[in-house]
Amino acid sequence: MKNATLLPKQKRILERLGENIRLARLRRNLSAELLAERANIGRTTLWSLEKGNANVSLTTLIRVLGALGMAEELAQLAADDTLGRKLQDIELMKGKTKRS
């Protein structure tokens, strides 16, 4: 698989995610070593995640979130698809005006 280059905005989102994970760890008074151990990953991998490295796997992300007690929050990411609903509503309204 070809490595895709991230857009600057996407890089910033990953960096913000990593920072949020680091802050969640610190709020729980967990050292990086302890969280890495609980997530069954290496300290370097946790450091990469906290820095927003794009090469960290989803498996690693879910392990770390699970160790923080936040795994369920990952399932909520696309639960409320505001843009998708608006696009769907536009299409529904187009069909309604054609039938009227």
PDB file of N, CA and C in Angstrom:
ATOM      1  N   MET A   1       0.842  -1.181   0.000  1.00  0.00           N
ATOM      2  CA  MET A   1       0.000   0.000   0.000  1.00  0.00           C
ATOM      3  C   MET A   1       0.887   1.245   0.000  1.00  0.00           C
ATOM      4  N   LYS A   2       0.527   2.194  -0.801  1.00  0.00           N
ATOM      5  CA  LYS A   2       1.282   3.434  -0.919  1.00  0.00           C
ATOM      6  C   LYS A   2       1.030   4.325   0.298  1.00  0.00           C
ATOM      7  N   ASN A   3       2.092   4.933   0.813  1.00  0.00           N
ATOM      8  CA  ASN A   3       1.944   5.871   1.924  1.00  0.00           C
ATOM      9  C   ASN A   3       1.367   7.177   1.409  1.00  0.00           C
ATOM     10  N   ALA A   4       0.217   7.538   1.875  1.00  0.00           N
ATOM     11  CA  ALA A   4      -0.417   8.783   1.462  1.00  0.00           C
ATOM     12  C   ALA A   4       0.119   9.931   2.309  1.00  0.00           C
ATOM     13  N   THR A   5       0.310  11.061   1.669  1.00  0.00           N
ATOM     14  CA  THR A   5       0.746  12.257   2.371  1.00  0.00           C
ATOM     15  C   THR A   5      -0.473  12.935   2.972  1.00  0.00           C
ATOM     16  N   LEU A   6      -0.353  13.301   4.230  1.00  0.00           N
ATOM     17  CA  LEU A   6      -1.448  14.000   4.894  1.00  0.00           C
ATOM     18  C   LEU A   6      -1.411  15.482   4.572  1.00  0.00           C
ATOM     19  N   LEU A   7      -2.576  16.048   4.513  1.00  0.00           N
ATOM     20  CA  LEU A   7      -2.692  17.493   4.367  1.00  0.00           C
ATOM     21  C   LEU A   7      -2.320  18.150   5.693  1.00  0.00           C
ATOM     22  N   PRO A   8      -1.877  19.402   5.669  1.00  0.00           N
ATOM     23  CA  PRO A   8      -1.515  20.087   6.918  1.00  0.00           C
ATOM     24  C   PRO A   8      -2.642  20.065   7.958  1.00  0.00           C
ATOM     25  N   LYS A   9      -3.874  20.258   7.509  1.00  0.00           N
ATOM     26  CA  LYS A   9      -4.999  20.239   8.448  1.00  0.00           C
ATOM     27  C   LYS A   9      -5.135  18.868   9.103  1.00  0.00           C
ATOM     28  N   GLN A  10      -4.934  17.814   8.334  1.00  0.00           N
ATOM     29  CA  GLN A  10      -5.029  16.455   8.871  1.00  0.00           C
ATOM     30  C   GLN A  10      -3.902  16.192   9.871  1.00  0.00           C
ATOM     31  N   LYS A  11      -2.729  16.702   9.582  1.00  0.00           N
ATOM     32  CA  LYS A  11      -1.599  16.566  10.515  1.00  0.00           C
ATOM     33  C   LYS A  11      -1.921  17.256  11.837  1.00  0.00           C
ATOM     34  N   ARG A  12      -2.515  18.449  11.744  1.00  0.00           N
ATOM     35  CA  ARG A  12      -2.862  19.185  12.970  1.00  0.00           C
ATOM     36  C   ARG A  12      -3.918  18.422  13.780  1.00  0.00           C
ATOM     37  N   ILE A  13      -4.844  17.775  13.110  1.00  0.00           N
ATOM     38  CA  ILE A  13      -5.865  16.987  13.811  1.00  0.00           C
ATOM     39  C   ILE A  13      -5.212  15.835  14.563  1.00  0.00           C
ATOM     40  N   LEU A  14      -4.272  15.143  13.914  1.00  0.00           N
ATOM     41  CA  LEU A  14      -3.566  14.054  14.591  1.00  0.00           C
ATOM     42  C   LEU A  14      -2.747  14.564  15.771  1.00  0.00           C
ATOM     43  N   GLU A  15      -2.129  15.713  15.600  1.00  0.00           N
ATOM     44  CA  GLU A  15      -1.356  16.299  16.698  1.00  0.00           C
ATOM     45  C   GLU A  15      -2.264  16.657  17.869  1.00  0.00           C
ATOM     46  N   ARG A  16      -3.445  17.191  17.560  1.00  0.00           N
ATOM     47  CA  ARG A  16      -4.403  17.537  18.618  1.00  0.00           C
ATOM     48  C   ARG A  16      -4.899  16.276  19.319  1.00  0.00           C
ATOM     49  N   LEU A  17      -5.149  15.216  18.558  1.00  0.00           N
ATOM     50  CA  LEU A  17      -5.561  13.939  19.153  1.00  0.00           C
ATOM     51  C   LEU A  17      -4.473  13.422  20.094  1.00  0.00           C
ATOM     52  N   GLY A  18      -3.241  13.462  19.626  1.00  0.00           N
ATOM     53  CA  GLY A  18      -2.127  13.012  20.468  1.00  0.00           C
ATOM     54  C   GLY A  18      -2.010  13.830  21.748  1.00  0.00           C
ATOM     55  N   GLU A  19      -2.161  15.123  21.626  1.00  0.00           N
ATOM     56  CA  GLU A  19      -2.098  16.006  22.806  1.00  0.00           C
ATOM     57  C   GLU A  19      -3.245  15.703  23.763  1.00  0.00           C
ATOM     58  N   ASN A  20      -4.426  15.454  23.233  1.00  0.00           N
ATOM     59  CA  ASN A  20      -5.566  15.116  24.084  1.00  0.00           C
ATOM     60  C   ASN A  20      -5.343  13.802  24.828  1.00  0.00           C
ATOM     61  N   ILE A  21      -4.732  12.853  24.166  1.00  0.00           N
ATOM     62  CA  ILE A  21      -4.422  11.574  24.825  1.00  0.00           C
ATOM     63  C   ILE A  21      -3.384  11.789  25.913  1.00  0.00           C
ATOM     64  N   ARG A  22      -2.372  12.590  25.621  1.00  0.00           N
ATOM     65  CA  ARG A  22      -1.345  12.889  26.639  1.00  0.00           C
ATOM     66  C   ARG A  22      -1.962  13.576  27.855  1.00  0.00           C
ATOM     67  N   LEU A  23      -2.855  14.542  27.602  1.00  0.00           N
ATOM     68  CA  LEU A  23      -3.510  15.232  28.713  1.00  0.00           C
ATOM     69  C   LEU A  23      -4.396  14.285  29.520  1.00  0.00           C
ATOM     70  N   ALA A  24      -5.082  13.370  28.840  1.00  0.00           N
ATOM     71  CA  ALA A  24      -5.913  12.378  29.546  1.00  0.00           C
ATOM     72  C   ALA A  24      -5.028  11.499  30.435  1.00  0.00           C
ATOM     73  N   ARG A  25      -3.860  11.128  29.941  1.00  0.00           N
ATOM     74  CA  ARG A  25      -2.920  10.333  30.733  1.00  0.00           C
ATOM     75  C   ARG A  25      -2.458  11.114  31.955  1.00  0.00           C
ATOM     76  N   LEU A  26      -2.103  12.372  31.742  1.00  0.00           N
ATOM     77  CA  LEU A  26      -1.616  13.193  32.853  1.00  0.00           C
ATOM     78  C   LEU A  26      -2.709  13.461  33.884  1.00  0.00           C
ATOM     79  N   ARG A  27      -3.945  13.667  33.426  1.00  0.00           N
ATOM     80  CA  ARG A  27      -5.052  13.881  34.368  1.00  0.00           C
ATOM     81  C   ARG A  27      -5.250  12.672  35.278  1.00  0.00           C
ATOM     82  N   ARG A  28      -4.926  11.504  34.763  1.00  0.00           N
ATOM     83  CA  ARG A  28      -5.080  10.270  35.536  1.00  0.00           C
ATOM     84  C   ARG A  28      -3.822   9.947  36.339  1.00  0.00           C
ATOM     85  N   ASN A  29      -2.859  10.847  36.298  1.00  0.00           N
ATOM     86  CA  ASN A  29      -1.584  10.666  36.995  1.00  0.00           C
ATOM     87  C   ASN A  29      -0.889   9.371  36.591  1.00  0.00           C
ATOM     88  N   LEU A  30      -0.939   9.047  35.301  1.00  0.00           N
ATOM     89  CA  LEU A  30      -0.276   7.856  34.790  1.00  0.00           C
ATOM     90  C   LEU A  30       1.014   8.266  34.099  1.00  0.00           C
ATOM     91  N   SER A  31       2.080   7.566  34.394  1.00  0.00           N
ATOM     92  CA  SER A  31       3.324   7.810  33.662  1.00  0.00           C
ATOM     93  C   SER A  31       3.187   7.195  32.277  1.00  0.00           C
ATOM     94  N   ALA A  32       4.018   7.652  31.380  1.00  0.00           N
ATOM     95  CA  ALA A  32       4.009   7.090  30.029  1.00  0.00           C
ATOM     96  C   ALA A  32       4.363   5.607  30.072  1.00  0.00           C
ATOM     97  N   GLU A  33       5.279   5.249  30.936  1.00  0.00           N
ATOM     98  CA  GLU A  33       5.687   3.856  31.052  1.00  0.00           C
ATOM     99  C   GLU A  33       4.536   2.972  31.523  1.00  0.00           C
ATOM    100  N   LEU A  34       3.779   3.447  32.514  1.00  0.00           N
ATOM    101  CA  LEU A  34       2.669   2.660  33.046  1.00  0.00           C
ATOM    102  C   LEU A  34       1.543   2.524  32.022  1.00  0.00           C
ATOM    103  N   LEU A  35       1.212   3.613  31.325  1.00  0.00           N
ATOM    104  CA  LEU A  35       0.160   3.542  30.317  1.00  0.00           C
ATOM    105  C   LEU A  35       0.583   2.617  29.174  1.00  0.00           C
ATOM    106  N   ALA A  36       1.823   2.722  28.736  1.00  0.00           N
ATOM    107  CA  ALA A  36       2.315   1.843  27.678  1.00  0.00           C
ATOM    108  C   ALA A  36       2.211   0.376  28.108  1.00  0.00           C
ATOM    109  N   GLU A  37       2.577   0.110  29.342  1.00  0.00           N
ATOM    110  CA  GLU A  37       2.488  -1.262  29.864  1.00  0.00           C
ATOM    111  C   GLU A  37       1.036  -1.741  29.889  1.00  0.00           C
ATOM    112  N   ARG A  38       0.133  -0.911  30.382  1.00  0.00           N
ATOM    113  CA  ARG A  38      -1.287  -1.275  30.436  1.00  0.00           C
ATOM    114  C   ARG A  38      -1.887  -1.479  29.051  1.00  0.00           C
ATOM    115  N   ALA A  39      -1.396  -0.735  28.068  1.00  0.00           N
ATOM    116  CA  ALA A  39      -1.896  -0.842  26.700  1.00  0.00           C
ATOM    117  C   ALA A  39      -1.162  -1.936  25.913  1.00  0.00           C
ATOM    118  N   ASN A  40      -0.163  -2.520  26.535  1.00  0.00           N
ATOM    119  CA  ASN A  40       0.641  -3.579  25.911  1.00  0.00           C
ATOM    120  C   ASN A  40       1.335  -3.084  24.637  1.00  0.00           C
ATOM    121  N   ILE A  41       1.922  -1.900  24.755  1.00  0.00           N
ATOM    122  CA  ILE A  41       2.699  -1.315  23.655  1.00  0.00           C
ATOM    123  C   ILE A  41       4.012  -0.795  24.232  1.00  0.00           C
ATOM    124  N   GLY A  42       4.921  -0.451  23.370  1.00  0.00           N
ATOM    125  CA  GLY A  42       6.182   0.123  23.815  1.00  0.00           C
ATOM    126  C   GLY A  42       6.038   1.602  24.148  1.00  0.00           C
ATOM    127  N   ARG A  43       6.909   2.096  24.972  1.00  0.00           N
ATOM    128  CA  ARG A  43       6.907   3.516  25.346  1.00  0.00           C
ATOM    129  C   ARG A  43       7.109   4.402  24.115  1.00  0.00           C
ATOM    130  N   THR A  44       7.959   3.967  23.201  1.00  0.00           N
ATOM    131  CA  THR A  44       8.206   4.741  21.989  1.00  0.00           C
ATOM    132  C   THR A  44       6.941   4.851  21.142  1.00  0.00           C
ATOM    133  N   THR A  45       6.149   3.783  21.104  1.00  0.00           N
ATOM    134  CA  THR A  45       4.902   3.809  20.346  1.00  0.00           C
ATOM    135  C   THR A  45       3.920   4.785  20.977  1.00  0.00           C
ATOM    136  N   LEU A  46       3.836   4.787  22.298  1.00  0.00           N
ATOM    137  CA  LEU A  46       2.971   5.738  22.993  1.00  0.00           C
ATOM    138  C   LEU A  46       3.441   7.161  22.716  1.00  0.00           C
ATOM    139  N   TRP A  47       4.737   7.376  22.754  1.00  0.00           N
ATOM    140  CA  TRP A  47       5.288   8.700  22.463  1.00  0.00           C
ATOM    141  C   TRP A  47       4.884   9.132  21.054  1.00  0.00           C
ATOM    142  N   SER A  48       4.964   8.214  20.089  1.00  0.00           N
ATOM    143  CA  SER A  48       4.576   8.525  18.703  1.00  0.00           C
ATOM    144  C   SER A  48       3.105   8.911  18.620  1.00  0.00           C
ATOM    145  N   LEU A  49       2.255   8.182  19.339  1.00  0.00           N
ATOM    146  CA  LEU A  49       0.825   8.494  19.354  1.00  0.00           C
ATOM    147  C   LEU A  49       0.584   9.874  19.956  1.00  0.00           C
ATOM    148  N   GLU A  50       1.231  10.162  21.059  1.00  0.00           N
ATOM    149  CA  GLU A  50       1.053  11.452  21.730  1.00  0.00           C
ATOM    150  C   GLU A  50       1.604  12.612  20.902  1.00  0.00           C
ATOM    151  N   LYS A  51       2.520  12.336  20.000  1.00  0.00           N
ATOM    152  CA  LYS A  51       3.071  13.374  19.119  1.00  0.00           C
ATOM    153  C   LYS A  51       2.239  13.538  17.855  1.00  0.00           C
ATOM    154  N   GLY A  52       1.260  12.663  17.628  1.00  0.00           N
ATOM    155  CA  GLY A  52       0.413  12.773  16.454  1.00  0.00           C
ATOM    156  C   GLY A  52       1.003  12.120  15.220  1.00  0.00           C
ATOM    157  N   ASN A  53       1.870  11.138  15.418  1.00  0.00           N
ATOM    158  CA  ASN A  53       2.486  10.434  14.300  1.00  0.00           C
ATOM    159  C   ASN A  53       1.422   9.654  13.528  1.00  0.00           C
ATOM    160  N   ALA A  54       1.387   9.835  12.219  1.00  0.00           N
ATOM    161  CA  ALA A  54       0.375   9.206  11.376  1.00  0.00           C
ATOM    162  C   ALA A  54       0.595   7.705  11.194  1.00  0.00           C
ATOM    163  N   ASN A  55       1.734   7.193  11.564  1.00  0.00           N
ATOM    164  CA  ASN A  55       2.033   5.777  11.362  1.00  0.00           C
ATOM    165  C   ASN A  55       1.582   4.889  12.510  1.00  0.00           C
ATOM    166  N   VAL A  56       0.966   5.443  13.517  1.00  0.00           N
ATOM    167  CA  VAL A  56       0.474   4.650  14.639  1.00  0.00           C
ATOM    168  C   VAL A  56      -0.828   3.973  14.208  1.00  0.00           C
ATOM    169  N   SER A  57      -0.958   2.699  14.507  1.00  0.00           N
ATOM    170  CA  SER A  57      -2.116   1.937  14.041  1.00  0.00           C
ATOM    171  C   SER A  57      -3.368   2.207  14.866  1.00  0.00           C
ATOM    172  N   LEU A  58      -4.500   1.883  14.262  1.00  0.00           N
ATOM    173  CA  LEU A  58      -5.768   1.987  14.990  1.00  0.00           C
ATOM    174  C   LEU A  58      -5.791   1.025  16.167  1.00  0.00           C
ATOM    175  N   THR A  59      -5.138  -0.110  16.024  1.00  0.00           N
ATOM    176  CA  THR A  59      -5.056  -1.075  17.135  1.00  0.00           C
ATOM    177  C   THR A  59      -4.371  -0.434  18.328  1.00  0.00           C
ATOM    178  N   THR A  60      -3.300   0.278  18.074  1.00  0.00           N
ATOM    179  CA  THR A  60      -2.593   0.976  19.152  1.00  0.00           C
ATOM    180  C   THR A  60      -3.489   2.030  19.780  1.00  0.00           C
ATOM    181  N   LEU A  61      -4.178   2.786  18.947  1.00  0.00           N
ATOM    182  CA  LEU A  61      -5.078   3.825  19.456  1.00  0.00           C
ATOM    183  C   LEU A  61      -6.139   3.226  20.371  1.00  0.00           C
ATOM    184  N   ILE A  62      -6.780   2.130  19.948  1.00  0.00           N
ATOM    185  CA  ILE A  62      -7.842   1.532  20.764  1.00  0.00           C
ATOM    186  C   ILE A  62      -7.274   0.912  22.040  1.00  0.00           C
ATOM    187  N   ARG A  63      -6.068   0.393  21.983  1.00  0.00           N
ATOM    188  CA  ARG A  63      -5.437  -0.151  23.200  1.00  0.00           C
ATOM    189  C   ARG A  63      -5.184   0.954  24.228  1.00  0.00           C
ATOM    190  N   VAL A  64      -4.654   2.079  23.744  1.00  0.00           N
ATOM    191  CA  VAL A  64      -4.357   3.192  24.652  1.00  0.00           C
ATOM    192  C   VAL A  64      -5.654   3.777  25.207  1.00  0.00           C
ATOM    193  N   LEU A  65      -6.633   3.997  24.350  1.00  0.00           N
ATOM    194  CA  LEU A  65      -7.912   4.518  24.834  1.00  0.00           C
ATOM    195  C   LEU A  65      -8.554   3.554  25.827  1.00  0.00           C
ATOM    196  N   GLY A  66      -8.449   2.263  25.569  1.00  0.00           N
ATOM    197  CA  GLY A  66      -8.974   1.273  26.504  1.00  0.00           C
ATOM    198  C   GLY A  66      -8.287   1.347  27.858  1.00  0.00           C
ATOM    199  N   ALA A  67      -6.971   1.497  27.844  1.00  0.00           N
ATOM    200  CA  ALA A  67      -6.219   1.605  29.095  1.00  0.00           C
ATOM    201  C   ALA A  67      -6.569   2.878  29.858  1.00  0.00           C
ATOM    202  N   LEU A  68      -7.023   3.897  29.124  1.00  0.00           N
ATOM    203  CA  LEU A  68      -7.442   5.158  29.755  1.00  0.00           C
ATOM    204  C   LEU A  68      -8.924   5.140  30.145  1.00  0.00           C
ATOM    205  N   GLY A  69      -9.643   4.079  29.759  1.00  0.00           N
ATOM    206  CA  GLY A  69     -11.072   4.006  30.031  1.00  0.00           C
ATOM    207  C   GLY A  69     -11.888   4.861  29.072  1.00  0.00           C
ATOM    208  N   MET A  70     -11.362   5.075  27.873  1.00  0.00           N
ATOM    209  CA  MET A  70     -12.006   5.965  26.918  1.00  0.00           C
ATOM    210  C   MET A  70     -12.317   5.293  25.583  1.00  0.00           C
ATOM    211  N   ALA A  71     -12.238   3.978  25.499  1.00  0.00           N
ATOM    212  CA  ALA A  71     -12.399   3.281  24.222  1.00  0.00           C
ATOM    213  C   ALA A  71     -13.765   3.528  23.592  1.00  0.00           C
ATOM    214  N   GLU A  72     -14.803   3.644  24.395  1.00  0.00           N
ATOM    215  CA  GLU A  72     -16.151   3.850  23.859  1.00  0.00           C
ATOM    216  C   GLU A  72     -16.273   5.185  23.123  1.00  0.00           C
ATOM    217  N   GLU A  73     -15.454   6.143  23.483  1.00  0.00           N
ATOM    218  CA  GLU A  73     -15.502   7.446  22.824  1.00  0.00           C
ATOM    219  C   GLU A  73     -15.089   7.355  21.365  1.00  0.00           C
ATOM    220  N   LEU A  74     -14.255   6.385  21.024  1.00  0.00           N
ATOM    221  CA  LEU A  74     -13.839   6.210  19.641  1.00  0.00           C
ATOM    222  C   LEU A  74     -15.032   5.841  18.760  1.00  0.00           C
ATOM    223  N   ALA A  75     -15.950   5.065  19.285  1.00  0.00           N
ATOM    224  CA  ALA A  75     -17.133   4.656  18.515  1.00  0.00           C
ATOM    225  C   ALA A  75     -18.070   5.829  18.233  1.00  0.00           C
ATOM    226  N   GLN A  76     -17.930   6.901  18.965  1.00  0.00           N
ATOM    227  CA  GLN A  76     -18.807   8.064  18.798  1.00  0.00           C
ATOM    228  C   GLN A  76     -18.330   9.031  17.714  1.00  0.00           C
ATOM    229  N   LEU A  77     -17.161   8.791  17.151  1.00  0.00           N
ATOM    230  CA  LEU A  77     -16.568   9.753  16.220  1.00  0.00           C
ATOM    231  C   LEU A  77     -17.465  10.117  15.050  1.00  0.00           C
ATOM    232  N   ALA A  78     -18.080   9.166  14.419  1.00  0.00           N
ATOM    233  CA  ALA A  78     -18.917   9.469  13.256  1.00  0.00           C
ATOM    234  C   ALA A  78     -20.392   9.196  13.530  1.00  0.00           C
ATOM    235  N   ALA A  79     -20.742   9.096  14.790  1.00  0.00           N
ATOM    236  CA  ALA A  79     -22.121   8.764  15.146  1.00  0.00           C
ATOM    237  C   ALA A  79     -23.099   9.850  14.720  1.00  0.00           C
ATOM    238  N   ASP A  80     -22.727  11.088  14.890  1.00  0.00           N
ATOM    239  CA  ASP A  80     -23.603  12.190  14.512  1.00  0.00           C
ATOM    240  C   ASP A  80     -23.023  12.840  13.267  1.00  0.00           C
ATOM    241  N   ASP A  81     -23.448  12.364  12.115  1.00  0.00           N
ATOM    242  CA  ASP A  81     -22.926  12.803  10.828  1.00  0.00           C
ATOM    243  C   ASP A  81     -23.737  13.997  10.330  1.00  0.00           C
ATOM    244  N   THR A  82     -23.451  15.173  10.856  1.00  0.00           N
ATOM    245  CA  THR A  82     -24.200  16.380  10.531  1.00  0.00           C
ATOM    246  C   THR A  82     -24.162  16.694   9.039  1.00  0.00           C
ATOM    247  N   LEU A  83     -22.982  16.673   8.448  1.00  0.00           N
ATOM    248  CA  LEU A  83     -22.872  16.977   7.026  1.00  0.00           C
ATOM    249  C   LEU A  83     -23.631  15.945   6.191  1.00  0.00           C
ATOM    250  N   GLY A  84     -23.489  14.684   6.510  1.00  0.00           N
ATOM    251  CA  GLY A  84     -24.185  13.638   5.774  1.00  0.00           C
ATOM    252  C   GLY A  84     -25.689  13.795   5.841  1.00  0.00           C
ATOM    253  N   ARG A  85     -26.183  14.156   7.015  1.00  0.00           N
ATOM    254  CA  ARG A  85     -27.624  14.377   7.163  1.00  0.00           C
ATOM    255  C   ARG A  85     -28.100  15.567   6.335  1.00  0.00           C
ATOM    256  N   LYS A  86     -27.321  16.633   6.307  1.00  0.00           N
ATOM    257  CA  LYS A  86     -27.696  17.807   5.515  1.00  0.00           C
ATOM    258  C   LYS A  86     -27.735  17.459   4.031  1.00  0.00           C
ATOM    259  N   LEU A  87     -26.724  16.725   3.563  1.00  0.00           N
ATOM    260  CA  LEU A  87     -26.699  16.319   2.161  1.00  0.00           C
ATOM    261  C   LEU A  87     -27.886  15.417   1.831  1.00  0.00           C
ATOM    262  N   GLN A  88     -28.199  14.527   2.746  1.00  0.00           N
ATOM    263  CA  GLN A  88     -29.344  13.634   2.547  1.00  0.00           C
ATOM    264  C   GLN A  88     -30.644  14.436   2.531  1.00  0.00           C
ATOM    265  N   ASP A  89     -30.777  15.384   3.408  1.00  0.00           N
ATOM    266  CA  ASP A  89     -31.986  16.222   3.448  1.00  0.00           C
ATOM    267  C   ASP A  89     -32.157  17.012   2.147  1.00  0.00           C
ATOM    268  N   ILE A  90     -31.044  17.508   1.591  1.00  0.00           N
ATOM    269  CA  ILE A  90     -31.113  18.242   0.326  1.00  0.00           C
ATOM    270  C   ILE A  90     -31.670  17.337  -0.765  1.00  0.00           C
ATOM    271  N   GLU A  91     -31.169  16.117  -0.825  1.00  0.00           N
ATOM    272  CA  GLU A  91     -31.654  15.171  -1.835  1.00  0.00           C
ATOM    273  C   GLU A  91     -33.119  14.831  -1.616  1.00  0.00           C
ATOM    274  N   LEU A  92     -33.514  14.676  -0.363  1.00  0.00           N
ATOM    275  CA  LEU A  92     -34.915  14.370  -0.065  1.00  0.00           C
ATOM    276  C   LEU A  92     -35.825  15.526  -0.470  1.00  0.00           C
ATOM    277  N   MET A  93     -35.347  16.754  -0.239  1.00  0.00           N
ATOM    278  CA  MET A  93     -36.151  17.917  -0.604  1.00  0.00           C
ATOM    279  C   MET A  93     -36.264  18.054  -2.120  1.00  0.00           C
ATOM    280  N   LYS A  94     -35.233  17.691  -2.851  1.00  0.00           N
ATOM    281  CA  LYS A  94     -35.282  17.711  -4.318  1.00  0.00           C
ATOM    282  C   LYS A  94     -36.348  16.760  -4.816  1.00  0.00           C
ATOM    283  N   GLY A  95     -36.404  15.572  -4.243  1.00  0.00           N
ATOM    284  CA  GLY A  95     -37.403  14.591  -4.640  1.00  0.00           C
ATOM    285  C   GLY A  95     -38.801  15.029  -4.307  1.00  0.00           C
ATOM    286  N   LYS A  96     -38.946  15.738  -3.191  1.00  0.00           N
ATOM    287  CA  LYS A  96     -40.278  16.206  -2.763  1.00  0.00           C
ATOM    288  C   LYS A  96     -40.820  17.275  -3.717  1.00  0.00           C
ATOM    289  N   THR A  97     -39.938  18.172  -4.158  1.00  0.00           N
ATOM    290  CA  THR A  97     -40.407  19.245  -5.062  1.00  0.00           C
ATOM    291  C   THR A  97     -40.749  18.693  -6.441  1.00  0.00           C
ATOM    292  N   LYS A  98     -40.100  17.602  -6.850  1.00  0.00           N
ATOM    293  CA  LYS A  98     -40.406  16.988  -8.144  1.00  0.00           C
ATOM    294  C   LYS A  98     -41.786  16.329  -8.111  1.00  0.00           C
ATOM    295  N   ARG A  99     -42.144  15.752  -6.953  1.00  0.00           N
ATOM    296  CA  ARG A  99     -43.421  15.053  -6.804  1.00  0.00           C
ATOM    297  C   ARG A  99     -44.572  16.017  -6.597  1.00  0.00           C
ATOM    298  N   SER A 100     -44.310  17.220  -6.166  1.00  0.00           N
ATOM    299  CA  SER A 100     -45.379  18.175  -5.844  1.00  0.00           C
ATOM    300  C   SER A 100     -46.087  18.700  -7.057  1.00  0.00           C
TER     301      SER A 100
END
